[in-house]
Amino acid sequence: MVRMQNGVLITETAHGFVCANGGIDASNVGPASGSVVTLLPVDPDASATRIRTAIRARYGVDVPVVMSDSFGRPWRWGIIDVAIGVSGLLPLEDLRGVPDADGRVMKSTVRAVADELASAAELTLGKTAGRPVALVRGASFTRGEATIRDALIPSENDLFR
C-alpha cells in the first residue's frame, strides 16, 4: 500500500507497478461483470513472449508484442494505456547524449517507446469495443529482448515516495 485517501488506493504490485487498486479491474470482465474481477498477469513479459511465439508459429512472422493496461497518471485526469509486458523490443530508447533537431545534446530524454505504442494501440482498440489486439505499423522502436521492469524507476530515483 503506497497511499489510501478519498476512496482511492494507490498500491505497488509484485511487478513493481505503482497503480490504482493494485491493477485489479472490475470493468470489461464479461457477463459476470459485478461479481468477478481481473488481475494483472503473474508475469506479463512471459505472457507477451507466449503470444509472440504463437504468432510466429502460426504466421511465420516475428512481431514484437506489447501487453498493456490502462493506468491513471499523477496530476492528470484520464487514463492511458501503458506497457505492462514486452517481448521482442526494448521498452525504452535512451536519447541522452544525442543531438536534438537543433544540434543541442539531450541530457535527460529517454523515450518510453513501449508505453507510447500501448497508448497508440488503445486509440484503435477502444476501451469498450471488445477488441483485444491492435497492429501498430510504421512505429520507430529497437528490436531486442528486455523486460518491462527496465522501464520502472528504481526506488533511489523515486521522487514521489
Protein backbone atom coordinates (compact mmCIF):
# COMPACT_ATOMS: atom_id res chain seq x y z
CA MET A 1 0.00 0.00 0.00
CA VAL A 2 1.51 3.32 -1.06
CA ARG A 3 -1.39 5.59 -0.14
CA MET A 4 -5.11 5.48 0.62
CA GLN A 5 -7.27 8.59 0.52
CA ASN A 6 -10.72 9.67 -0.70
CA GLY A 7 -11.70 6.10 -1.58
CA VAL A 8 -8.64 5.60 -3.79
CA LEU A 9 -5.96 3.00 -3.16
CA ILE A 10 -2.52 3.54 -4.65
CA THR A 11 -0.56 0.32 -4.45
CA GLU A 12 2.65 -1.20 -5.70
CA THR A 13 2.18 -4.60 -7.29
CA ALA A 14 4.61 -7.51 -7.07
CA HIS A 15 5.67 -6.49 -10.60
CA GLY A 16 6.75 -3.07 -9.30
CA PHE A 17 3.88 -1.15 -10.93
CA VAL A 18 2.51 1.72 -8.85
CA CYS A 19 -1.15 1.98 -9.75
CA ALA A 20 -4.69 2.38 -8.50
CA ASN A 21 -6.22 -0.60 -6.75
CA GLY A 22 -3.31 -2.97 -7.36
CA GLY A 23 -4.22 -3.42 -11.02
CA ILE A 24 -7.45 -5.22 -10.06
CA ASP A 25 -10.15 -4.34 -12.58
CA ALA A 26 -13.91 -4.85 -12.43
CA SER A 27 -14.70 -3.45 -15.88
CA ASN A 28 -14.68 -5.34 -19.18
CA VAL A 29 -14.79 -8.73 -17.46
CA GLY A 30 -17.64 -10.26 -19.45
CA PRO A 31 -21.10 -11.50 -18.48
CA ALA A 32 -20.15 -11.97 -14.82
CA SER A 33 -19.39 -8.26 -14.51
CA GLY A 34 -20.15 -7.11 -11.00
CA SER A 35 -19.25 -10.43 -9.40
CA VAL A 36 -15.73 -11.07 -10.78
CA VAL A 37 -12.59 -9.04 -11.35
CA THR A 38 -9.50 -9.43 -13.49
CA LEU A 39 -5.98 -9.41 -12.15
CA LEU A 40 -2.73 -8.50 -13.84
CA PRO A 41 -0.86 -11.46 -15.31
CA VAL A 42 1.59 -13.06 -12.89
CA ASP A 43 4.42 -12.47 -15.41
CA PRO A 44 3.35 -10.04 -18.16
CA ASP A 45 6.68 -10.35 -20.03
CA ALA A 46 6.25 -14.14 -20.19
CA SER A 47 2.65 -13.67 -21.37
CA ALA A 48 3.86 -11.32 -24.13
CA THR A 49 6.50 -13.89 -25.12
CA ARG A 50 3.89 -16.67 -25.33
CA ILE A 51 1.74 -14.50 -27.62
CA ARG A 52 4.76 -13.61 -29.77
CA THR A 53 5.78 -17.29 -30.01
CA ALA A 54 2.24 -18.33 -31.01
CA ILE A 55 2.09 -15.65 -33.74
CA ARG A 56 5.50 -16.71 -35.08
CA ALA A 57 4.44 -20.39 -35.11
CA ARG A 58 1.11 -19.73 -36.80
CA TYR A 59 2.02 -16.97 -39.28
CA GLY A 60 5.79 -17.31 -39.70
CA VAL A 61 6.50 -13.69 -38.70
CA ASP A 62 8.30 -12.40 -35.66
CA VAL A 63 6.41 -9.37 -34.42
CA PRO A 64 7.26 -7.70 -31.13
CA VAL A 65 4.44 -7.79 -28.58
CA VAL A 66 3.46 -5.14 -26.06
CA MET A 67 0.93 -6.16 -23.42
CA SER A 68 -0.86 -3.14 -21.96
CA ASP A 69 -3.31 -1.98 -19.36
CA SER A 70 -4.96 1.32 -18.57
CA PHE A 71 -3.27 3.48 -15.95
CA GLY A 72 -4.02 6.83 -14.39
CA ARG A 73 -1.26 9.44 -14.23
CA PRO A 74 -0.28 11.81 -11.45
CA TRP A 75 -1.55 15.36 -11.89
CA ARG A 76 -3.66 14.46 -14.95
CA TRP A 77 -7.28 13.43 -15.38
CA GLY A 78 -7.97 10.40 -17.55
CA ILE A 79 -6.31 7.11 -18.26
CA ILE A 80 -3.93 5.96 -20.94
CA ASP A 81 -2.63 2.52 -21.77
CA VAL A 82 0.90 1.72 -20.67
CA ALA A 83 3.01 -1.35 -21.32
CA ILE A 84 2.92 -3.97 -18.60
CA GLY A 85 4.84 -6.61 -20.57
CA VAL A 86 7.08 -6.72 -23.64
CA SER A 87 8.66 -9.27 -25.92
CA GLY A 88 10.92 -8.60 -28.88
CA LEU A 89 11.53 -4.89 -28.37
CA LEU A 90 13.33 -2.60 -25.97
CA PRO A 91 10.78 -0.67 -23.88
CA LEU A 92 12.96 2.45 -23.74
CA GLU A 93 15.00 4.48 -26.20
CA ASP A 94 17.77 6.37 -24.42
CA LEU A 95 18.47 9.59 -26.30
CA ARG A 96 20.77 11.11 -23.70
CA GLY A 97 23.93 12.31 -25.44
CA VAL A 98 22.21 12.52 -28.84
CA PRO A 99 21.79 15.92 -30.52
CA ASP A 100 18.22 17.17 -30.95
CA ALA A 101 16.94 18.68 -34.22
CA ASP A 102 18.71 21.94 -33.37
CA GLY A 103 22.02 20.25 -32.52
CA ARG A 104 21.67 20.62 -28.75
CA VAL A 105 22.75 17.47 -26.91
CA MET A 106 19.87 15.95 -24.93
CA LYS A 107 20.67 15.27 -21.29
CA SER A 108 17.57 13.62 -19.91
CA THR A 109 15.43 12.33 -22.79
CA VAL A 110 14.53 8.66 -22.58
CA ARG A 111 11.52 7.76 -24.76
CA ALA A 112 9.03 5.35 -23.22
CA VAL A 113 8.60 3.51 -26.53
CA ALA A 114 6.56 0.56 -25.23
CA ASP A 115 4.20 2.93 -23.38
CA GLU A 116 3.83 5.08 -26.49
CA LEU A 117 2.98 2.01 -28.58
CA ALA A 118 0.49 0.82 -25.94
CA SER A 119 -1.22 4.19 -25.87
CA ALA A 120 -1.33 4.47 -29.68
CA ALA A 121 -2.82 0.98 -29.91
CA GLU A 122 -5.51 1.86 -27.35
CA LEU A 123 -6.76 4.61 -29.66
CA THR A 124 -7.72 1.92 -32.20
CA LEU A 125 -8.74 -0.75 -29.68
CA GLY A 126 -11.21 1.44 -27.83
CA LYS A 127 -11.86 0.91 -24.13
CA THR A 128 -15.31 -0.58 -24.65
CA ALA A 129 -15.15 -2.08 -28.17
CA GLY A 130 -14.00 -5.55 -27.09
CA ARG A 131 -11.04 -5.62 -29.48
CA PRO A 132 -8.12 -7.43 -27.79
CA VAL A 133 -5.36 -6.77 -30.35
CA ALA A 134 -4.05 -3.89 -32.45
CA LEU A 135 -1.32 -3.98 -35.07
CA VAL A 136 0.79 -0.81 -34.99
CA ARG A 137 2.69 -0.14 -38.22
CA GLY A 138 5.36 2.41 -39.01
CA ALA A 139 6.47 2.97 -35.41
CA SER A 140 10.11 3.51 -34.51
CA PHE A 141 11.49 1.05 -31.96
CA THR A 142 14.54 -1.11 -31.33
CA ARG A 143 14.20 -4.87 -31.50
CA GLY A 144 15.72 -6.75 -28.60
CA GLU A 145 14.99 -8.84 -25.58
CA ALA A 146 14.20 -6.92 -22.42
CA THR A 147 11.75 -6.76 -19.56
CA ILE A 148 9.20 -4.12 -18.73
CA ARG A 149 11.00 -3.75 -15.40
CA ASP A 150 13.63 -1.80 -17.37
CA ALA A 151 11.04 0.99 -17.63
CA LEU A 152 10.40 1.22 -13.88
CA ILE A 153 12.04 3.96 -11.82
CA PRO A 154 14.35 2.43 -9.19
CA SER A 155 13.44 3.36 -5.61
CA GLU A 156 16.58 5.52 -5.23
CA ASN A 157 15.26 7.75 -8.05
CA ASP A 158 11.63 7.84 -6.85
CA LEU A 159 10.83 11.47 -6.07
CA PHE A 160 7.21 10.81 -5.03
CA ARG A 161 7.60 8.50 -2.04
